[in-house]
Amino acid sequence: MRQALALAESVMYITSPNPRVACLIVRDGQLLASGATQVAGGPHAEVMALRQAAERGVQVAGSTIYVTLEPCSHFGRTPPCVDALVAARPARVVVAMRDPNPLVGGQGVAKLHASGIAVTTMVCAEQALALNPGFAARMTRKTPWVWLKLAASLDGRIALENGQSQWITGPAARADGHHWRARSCVVLTGSGTVKADDPQMNVRHVETARAPVKALIDTRFEVDENARIFDGTRTWVFTSRTDSAKAARLALRNVQVIEVPADGAGVDLRAVMVWLGQHDVNEVHVEAGSRLSGALLQAQCVDELLIYTAPVLLGAGMGMVCLPGMENLADAQRFEFIDTQNVAPDLRLRARHIDRWKALSLAVQPADTNMIY
């Protein structure tokens, strides 16, 4: 199953909005065929593996099939994968994680079992979930998985007092950040960042056939129409104040303006996340200033922190996030470190929100333990 998960990771950038899935066909410890899910509308992992087996003249009947997500049991863009597996007659199917899609939700496993095929589930389930947190989040809570990228000094500064921030971290850290952009469905920033830095917000340094949508939180709809973020690639602007003439001009540059309710001084960020979930967005990569970063944290929208720490001290300057003070430590949002990586000369830290990850993990567990055969 670990080998199957590694294969699923190889299609990290292309499957959205579908999950990253891989399938291995094995007999007597020997790998006979394998496959991974292709771009949306293309064949799923099971079909790819079965096709390779047919091309190689391999007999699938009686084999063991490993798949990193429960085979789908409904008609979507493609026919149900479980039907293809049943027709192939393996002796056993090993499944990493139950499909959180309510259209599947155990039915794939049940159909395999009803067809006389032995099924083992929840093998490396945590690792499988880590490959597809956005798909699981969208299917269970109807909003995407959001990580917040921050680049800061050892003393937690993302910019000097005069606003200078380029560059705190080194080239390797910046290049590594483009992997996280590439795997996301949406790269999100705020109007303050666009005004200050005029970033492109696109994917460089990483080859990908599927560019993420660029998104902008612009409460007052005041960002310059000539900003580099409006480069003709698909872009969404979330605002609580529209200007039909400006929106029409931007539409000619592949920009969609979405009006969302106001929430205090800004847009309702939770409403933004709901909209994104409704539009098949699995994962959101946030690169923003301290105000929007803090607002997303306050709105309970951030699931994971991606922090690049440079071995420098900057003293007085802009903090990583703008949050109100609190009087009780019990009110703090708690994260858990899950990975530490040297990206010389900097350090990359990943931390998941403890409660939000726990809720997601519980949501994809089988509702009925009798479903595990």
Protein backbone atom coordinates (compact mmCIF):
# COMPACT_ATOMS: atom_id res chain seq x y z
CA MET A 1 0.00 0.00 0.00
CA ARG A 2 2.90 2.37 0.66
CA GLN A 3 4.04 1.74 -2.93
CA ALA A 4 0.52 2.56 -4.15
CA LEU A 5 0.50 5.78 -2.12
CA ALA A 6 3.82 6.80 -3.69
CA LEU A 7 2.31 6.26 -7.14
CA ALA A 8 -0.75 8.33 -6.17
CA GLU A 9 1.57 11.13 -5.10
CA SER A 10 3.08 11.16 -8.60
CA VAL A 11 -0.19 12.56 -10.01
CA MET A 12 -0.36 15.25 -7.32
CA TYR A 13 -0.78 18.14 -9.76
CA ILE A 14 -3.26 16.80 -12.34
CA THR A 15 -6.32 15.04 -10.89
CA SER A 16 -8.26 17.90 -9.28
CA PRO A 17 -11.16 18.04 -8.56
CA ASN A 18 -10.86 14.25 -8.37
CA PRO A 19 -8.73 12.67 -5.64
CA ARG A 20 -5.19 11.39 -6.21
CA VAL A 21 -5.56 7.62 -6.36
CA ALA A 22 -3.36 4.69 -7.40
CA CYS A 23 -4.00 1.00 -7.93
CA LEU A 24 -1.60 -1.95 -7.94
CA ILE A 25 -2.32 -5.50 -9.12
CA VAL A 26 -0.17 -8.05 -7.31
CA ARG A 27 0.24 -11.81 -7.30
CA ASP A 28 2.59 -13.77 -5.03
CA GLY A 29 4.34 -10.57 -4.03
CA GLN A 30 5.04 -9.58 -7.63
CA LEU A 31 3.68 -6.38 -9.16
CA LEU A 32 1.75 -7.26 -12.32
CA ALA A 33 0.33 -3.86 -13.29
CA SER A 34 -0.35 -0.43 -11.88
CA GLY A 35 -2.16 2.79 -12.67
CA ALA A 36 -3.03 6.20 -11.27
CA THR A 37 -5.99 8.52 -11.79
CA GLN A 38 -5.65 10.85 -14.78
CA VAL A 39 -7.00 14.35 -15.39
CA ALA A 40 -10.67 14.98 -14.60
CA GLY A 41 -12.81 13.11 -17.11
CA GLY A 42 -10.01 10.65 -17.79
CA PRO A 43 -9.75 7.08 -16.49
CA HIS A 44 -9.43 6.37 -12.79
CA ALA A 45 -6.61 4.40 -11.20
CA GLU A 46 -8.36 1.01 -11.29
CA VAL A 47 -9.12 1.31 -15.01
CA MET A 48 -5.54 2.38 -15.75
CA ALA A 49 -4.16 -0.63 -13.88
CA LEU A 50 -6.57 -3.05 -15.56
CA ARG A 51 -5.68 -1.62 -18.98
CA GLN A 52 -1.97 -2.13 -18.29
CA ALA A 53 -2.67 -5.68 -17.17
CA ALA A 54 -4.53 -6.37 -20.41
CA GLU A 55 -1.71 -4.86 -22.48
CA ARG A 56 0.76 -7.14 -20.71
CA GLY A 57 -1.45 -10.21 -21.04
CA VAL A 58 -1.66 -10.51 -17.26
CA GLN A 59 -4.38 -12.64 -15.66
CA VAL A 60 -6.07 -10.49 -12.99
CA ALA A 61 -8.44 -13.18 -11.67
CA GLY A 62 -7.22 -14.48 -8.32
CA SER A 63 -4.80 -11.59 -7.76
CA THR A 64 -4.70 -9.04 -4.94
CA ILE A 65 -5.50 -5.45 -5.84
CA TYR A 66 -4.32 -2.53 -3.71
CA VAL A 67 -6.14 0.77 -4.16
CA THR A 68 -5.59 3.94 -2.14
CA LEU A 69 -9.27 4.95 -2.11
CA GLU A 70 -12.46 2.91 -2.08
CA PRO A 71 -13.48 2.17 -5.70
CA CYS A 72 -16.26 4.48 -6.88
CA SER A 73 -19.70 2.94 -7.27
CA HIS A 74 -21.57 5.64 -9.18
CA PHE A 75 -21.67 7.10 -12.67
CA GLY A 76 -19.90 10.44 -12.90
CA ARG A 77 -17.67 11.46 -15.78
CA THR A 78 -16.67 7.79 -15.94
CA PRO A 79 -18.43 4.48 -15.17
CA PRO A 80 -18.14 2.91 -11.68
CA CYS A 81 -14.66 1.50 -11.07
CA VAL A 82 -16.06 -1.14 -8.73
CA ASP A 83 -17.86 -2.76 -11.67
CA ALA A 84 -14.56 -3.09 -13.53
CA LEU A 85 -12.97 -4.72 -10.49
CA VAL A 86 -15.86 -7.13 -10.02
CA ALA A 87 -15.59 -8.16 -13.67
CA ALA A 88 -11.83 -8.75 -13.26
CA ARG A 89 -12.46 -11.21 -10.38
CA PRO A 90 -9.49 -10.59 -8.07
CA ALA A 91 -9.36 -12.76 -4.99
CA ARG A 92 -8.88 -9.78 -2.68
CA VAL A 93 -9.00 -5.99 -2.73
CA VAL A 94 -7.10 -3.94 -0.14
CA VAL A 95 -8.39 -0.40 0.34
CA ALA A 96 -6.53 2.38 2.14
CA MET A 97 -9.41 4.75 2.87
CA ARG A 98 -13.15 4.85 2.57
CA ASP A 99 -14.42 7.26 -0.09
CA PRO A 100 -15.87 10.32 1.69
CA ASN A 101 -18.09 11.05 -1.33
CA PRO A 102 -21.66 10.40 -0.09
CA LEU A 103 -22.41 8.87 -3.51
CA VAL A 104 -19.95 6.10 -2.61
CA GLY A 105 -19.46 6.03 1.17
CA GLY A 106 -19.02 2.28 1.65
CA GLN A 107 -21.04 1.11 -1.34
CA GLY A 108 -17.94 0.24 -3.33
CA VAL A 109 -16.66 -2.02 -0.57
CA ALA A 110 -20.11 -3.51 -0.06
CA LYS A 111 -20.43 -4.38 -3.77
CA LEU A 112 -17.03 -6.07 -3.81
CA HIS A 113 -17.95 -8.11 -0.76
CA ALA A 114 -21.35 -9.03 -2.20
CA SER A 115 -19.57 -10.31 -5.30
CA GLY A 116 -17.53 -12.74 -3.21
CA ILE A 117 -14.31 -10.73 -3.25
CA ALA A 118 -12.44 -10.47 0.06
CA VAL A 119 -11.93 -6.88 1.15
CA THR A 120 -9.54 -5.35 3.68
CA THR A 121 -9.93 -1.65 4.45
CA MET A 122 -8.27 1.12 6.45
CA VAL A 123 -4.71 0.12 5.51
CA CYS A 124 -2.47 3.23 5.71
CA ALA A 125 -5.66 5.26 5.97
CA GLU A 126 -3.99 8.25 7.62
CA GLN A 127 -1.40 8.48 4.83
CA ALA A 128 -4.13 8.19 2.20
CA LEU A 129 -6.08 11.00 3.84
CA ALA A 130 -2.95 13.15 3.90
CA LEU A 131 -2.77 12.83 0.10
CA ASN A 132 -6.34 14.04 -0.33
CA PRO A 133 -7.35 16.28 2.59
CA GLY A 134 -9.03 18.74 0.25
CA PHE A 135 -11.21 16.14 -1.46
CA ALA A 136 -12.20 14.70 1.91
CA ALA A 137 -12.92 18.17 3.32
CA ARG A 138 -15.05 19.19 0.35
CA MET A 139 -17.03 15.96 0.48
CA THR A 140 -17.66 15.97 4.23
CA ARG A 141 -17.83 19.59 5.39
CA LYS A 142 -18.43 21.23 1.95
CA THR A 143 -15.41 23.56 2.16
CA PRO A 144 -11.83 23.12 0.88
CA TRP A 145 -8.71 22.32 2.88
CA VAL A 146 -6.79 25.55 3.42
CA TRP A 147 -3.13 25.97 4.18
CA LEU A 148 -1.56 29.31 5.01
CA LYS A 149 1.98 29.88 3.76
CA LEU A 150 4.16 32.25 5.78
CA ALA A 151 7.80 33.23 5.26
CA ALA A 152 9.32 34.75 8.38
CA SER A 153 12.45 35.46 10.36
CA LEU A 154 13.33 33.59 13.54
CA ASP A 155 11.64 36.33 15.52
CA GLY A 156 8.44 35.97 13.52
CA ARG A 157 8.69 38.96 11.18
CA ILE A 158 7.41 38.83 7.60
CA ALA A 159 8.57 42.36 6.74
CA LEU A 160 10.53 45.29 8.13
CA GLU A 161 8.74 48.28 9.61
CA ASN A 162 9.08 50.05 6.25
CA GLY A 163 7.33 47.13 4.52
CA GLN A 164 10.40 45.62 2.85
CA SER A 165 10.05 41.84 2.67
CA GLN A 166 11.92 40.65 -0.44
CA TRP A 167 13.59 38.46 0.38
CA ILE A 168 13.57 37.05 3.92
CA THR A 169 13.88 33.43 2.82
CA GLY A 170 16.21 32.06 0.15
CA PRO A 171 15.63 30.89 -3.42
CA ALA A 172 15.23 27.22 -2.44
CA ALA A 173 12.40 28.03 -0.02
CA ARG A 174 10.66 30.18 -2.61
CA ALA A 175 10.96 27.42 -5.21
CA ASP A 176 9.63 24.87 -2.72
CA GLY A 177 6.61 27.08 -2.15
CA HIS A 178 5.69 26.71 -5.81
CA HIS A 179 5.13 22.97 -5.27
CA TRP A 180 2.36 23.91 -2.83
CA ARG A 181 0.92 26.37 -5.31
CA ALA A 182 0.99 23.73 -8.04
CA ARG A 183 -0.84 21.08 -6.01
CA SER A 184 -3.59 23.49 -4.97
CA CYS A 185 -6.79 24.29 -6.85
CA VAL A 186 -6.65 27.96 -5.88
CA VAL A 187 -3.86 30.35 -4.90
CA LEU A 188 -5.39 33.08 -2.71
CA THR A 189 -4.07 36.48 -1.73
CA GLY A 190 -5.36 39.85 -0.58
CA SER A 191 -5.57 43.32 -2.06
CA GLY A 192 -2.93 44.64 0.35
CA THR A 193 -0.36 42.17 -0.95
CA VAL A 194 -1.19 43.01 -4.56
CA LYS A 195 -0.85 46.74 -3.89
CA ALA A 196 2.42 46.34 -2.00
CA ASP A 197 4.22 43.68 -4.06
CA ASP A 198 2.27 43.30 -7.35
CA PRO A 199 2.88 39.53 -7.33
CA GLN A 200 2.12 37.24 -10.28
CA MET A 201 0.70 34.50 -8.02
CA ASN A 202 1.33 31.88 -10.70
CA VAL A 203 3.29 28.64 -10.65
CA ARG A 204 6.92 28.78 -11.68
CA HIS A 205 9.80 26.46 -10.71
CA VAL A 206 7.41 23.46 -11.01
CA GLU A 207 6.16 21.87 -14.22
CA THR A 208 2.41 21.35 -14.18
CA ALA A 209 -0.19 20.95 -16.90
CA ARG A 210 -2.92 22.32 -14.62
CA ALA A 211 -2.46 25.84 -13.34
CA PRO A 212 -4.41 26.71 -10.19
CA VAL A 213 -6.99 29.46 -10.31
CA LYS A 214 -5.73 32.73 -8.85
CA ALA A 215 -8.06 34.35 -6.31
CA LEU A 216 -8.09 37.74 -4.67
CA ILE A 217 -9.89 39.07 -1.60
CA ASP A 218 -10.57 42.69 -2.52
CA THR A 219 -13.27 43.98 -0.17
CA ARG A 220 -13.62 47.43 -1.74
CA PHE A 221 -12.83 46.30 -5.31
CA GLU A 222 -9.98 48.77 -5.58
CA VAL A 223 -7.00 46.81 -6.92
CA ASP A 224 -5.47 48.31 -10.05
CA GLU A 225 -6.81 46.67 -13.20
CA ASN A 226 -3.24 46.54 -14.53
CA ALA A 227 -1.93 44.48 -11.61
CA ARG A 228 0.15 41.50 -12.71
CA ILE A 229 -2.28 39.05 -11.12
CA PHE A 230 -4.67 39.90 -13.99
CA ASP A 231 -2.51 38.30 -16.68
CA GLY A 232 -5.26 36.61 -18.68
CA THR A 233 -5.26 33.35 -16.75
CA ARG A 234 -8.34 32.37 -14.78
CA THR A 235 -8.77 34.65 -11.76
CA TRP A 236 -11.52 35.10 -9.17
CA VAL A 237 -12.06 38.33 -7.25
CA PHE A 238 -14.15 38.19 -4.07
CA THR A 239 -15.57 41.55 -3.05
CA SER A 240 -18.47 43.09 -1.16
CA ARG A 241 -18.55 46.15 -3.40
CA THR A 242 -18.96 45.74 -7.13
CA ASP A 243 -18.41 48.08 -10.07
CA SER A 244 -20.13 46.68 -13.15
CA ALA A 245 -18.00 48.62 -15.63
CA LYS A 246 -14.74 47.54 -14.00
CA ALA A 247 -16.00 43.96 -13.68
CA ALA A 248 -16.86 43.93 -17.39
CA ARG A 249 -13.37 45.14 -18.32
CA LEU A 250 -11.77 42.52 -16.11
CA ALA A 251 -14.01 39.82 -17.58
CA LEU A 252 -12.24 40.39 -20.88
CA ARG A 253 -9.07 39.30 -19.09
CA ASN A 254 -10.58 36.05 -17.78
CA VAL A 255 -11.47 37.53 -14.37
CA GLN A 256 -14.70 36.58 -12.61
CA VAL A 257 -15.94 38.96 -9.91
CA ILE A 258 -17.89 37.27 -7.11
CA GLU A 259 -19.88 39.39 -4.70
CA VAL A 260 -20.03 38.00 -1.18
CA PRO A 261 -21.56 39.43 2.00
CA ALA A 262 -19.55 41.82 4.13
CA ASP A 263 -18.45 40.77 7.59
CA GLY A 264 -17.32 43.76 9.61
CA ALA A 265 -14.61 45.58 7.70
CA GLY A 266 -14.03 42.77 5.21
CA VAL A 267 -15.76 40.11 3.19
CA ASP A 268 -17.27 37.08 4.90
CA LEU A 269 -14.37 34.66 4.52
CA ARG A 270 -16.44 31.66 5.54
CA ALA A 271 -18.87 32.51 2.74
CA VAL A 272 -15.89 32.57 0.37
CA MET A 273 -14.91 29.07 1.48
CA VAL A 274 -18.45 27.80 0.98
CA TRP A 275 -18.46 29.27 -2.55
CA LEU A 276 -15.14 27.59 -3.29
CA GLY A 277 -16.44 24.25 -2.05
CA GLN A 278 -19.49 24.59 -4.28
CA HIS A 279 -17.18 25.14 -7.24
CA ASP A 280 -15.15 21.93 -6.83
CA VAL A 281 -12.17 23.49 -5.06
CA ASN A 282 -10.33 20.92 -2.95
CA GLU A 283 -7.25 22.77 -1.72
CA VAL A 284 -6.50 26.46 -1.22
CA HIS A 285 -2.97 27.84 -0.91
CA VAL A 286 -2.89 31.23 0.83
CA GLU A 287 -0.05 33.73 0.45
CA ALA A 288 -1.16 36.99 1.99
CA GLY A 289 -0.24 39.77 4.37
CA SER A 290 -0.67 39.66 8.13
CA ARG A 291 -4.17 41.17 8.06
CA LEU A 292 -5.79 38.65 5.73
CA SER A 293 -3.79 35.81 7.30
CA GLY A 294 -5.06 36.83 10.72
CA ALA A 295 -8.61 37.26 9.45
CA LEU A 296 -8.60 33.76 7.97
CA LEU A 297 -7.38 32.35 11.27
CA GLN A 298 -10.01 34.29 13.21
CA ALA A 299 -12.71 32.99 10.85
CA GLN A 300 -11.57 29.40 11.54
CA CYS A 301 -10.72 28.90 7.86
CA VAL A 302 -7.11 27.72 8.19
CA ASP A 303 -6.45 23.98 8.42
CA GLU A 304 -2.69 23.92 8.07
CA LEU A 305 0.30 26.24 8.44
CA LEU A 306 3.20 26.11 6.00
CA ILE A 307 5.94 28.22 7.55
CA TYR A 308 9.35 28.93 6.02
CA THR A 309 11.67 30.23 8.72
CA ALA A 310 14.88 32.02 7.81
CA PRO A 311 17.86 32.03 10.23
CA VAL A 312 17.81 35.80 10.60
CA LEU A 313 16.57 38.25 13.23
CA LEU A 314 14.82 41.40 12.05
CA GLY A 315 13.74 43.10 15.26
CA ALA A 316 10.86 45.54 14.95
CA GLY A 317 8.70 44.80 11.95
CA MET A 318 5.48 43.19 10.75
CA GLY A 319 4.37 40.05 12.57
CA MET A 320 3.29 36.88 10.78
CA VAL A 321 -0.42 37.33 11.48
CA CYS A 322 -2.56 40.13 12.83
CA LEU A 323 -4.66 38.69 15.64
CA PRO A 324 -6.38 40.31 18.62
CA GLY A 325 -4.94 39.67 22.05
CA MET A 326 -6.50 37.05 24.29
CA GLU A 327 -6.83 36.74 28.04
CA ASN A 328 -7.00 32.96 28.29
CA LEU A 329 -4.60 30.43 26.77
CA ALA A 330 -7.51 28.01 26.47
CA ASP A 331 -8.84 30.20 23.65
CA ALA A 332 -5.74 29.67 21.49
CA GLN A 333 -6.00 27.77 18.22
CA ARG A 334 -3.85 24.67 18.57
CA PHE A 335 -1.73 23.25 15.77
CA GLU A 336 0.42 20.12 15.69
CA PHE A 337 3.76 19.91 13.91
CA ILE A 338 3.66 17.14 11.31
CA ASP A 339 6.80 17.76 9.27
CA THR A 340 10.10 19.62 9.47
CA GLN A 341 12.24 19.97 6.38
CA ASN A 342 15.54 21.70 5.72
CA VAL A 343 15.29 23.90 2.64
CA ALA A 344 18.76 25.35 2.92
CA PRO A 345 19.44 27.78 4.38
CA ASP A 346 15.88 27.90 5.71
CA LEU A 347 13.56 25.54 7.56
CA ARG A 348 10.07 24.51 6.44
CA LEU A 349 7.57 23.69 9.17
CA ARG A 350 4.16 22.15 8.62
CA ALA A 351 1.52 22.21 11.34
CA ARG A 352 -2.09 21.00 11.18
CA HIS A 353 -4.93 22.43 13.19
CA ILE A 354 -5.47 19.66 15.72
CA ASP A 355 -9.26 19.82 15.98
CA ARG A 356 -9.87 20.31 12.25
CA TRP A 357 -7.66 17.35 11.29
CA LYS A 358 -9.28 15.17 13.93
CA ALA A 359 -12.75 16.06 12.64
CA LEU A 360 -11.71 15.27 9.07
CA SER A 361 -10.15 11.97 10.07
CA LEU A 362 -13.28 10.93 11.94
CA ALA A 363 -15.48 11.96 9.03
CA VAL A 364 -13.86 9.44 6.67
CA GLN A 365 -14.00 6.51 9.08
CA PRO A 366 -16.58 3.82 8.20
CA ALA A 367 -19.88 4.66 9.87
CA ASP A 368 -20.44 0.92 10.39
CA THR A 369 -17.47 -1.15 11.50
CA ASN A 370 -19.19 -4.16 9.89
CA MET A 371 -18.18 -2.57 6.57
CA ILE A 372 -14.60 -3.70 7.24
CA TYR A 373 -14.29 -7.24 5.92
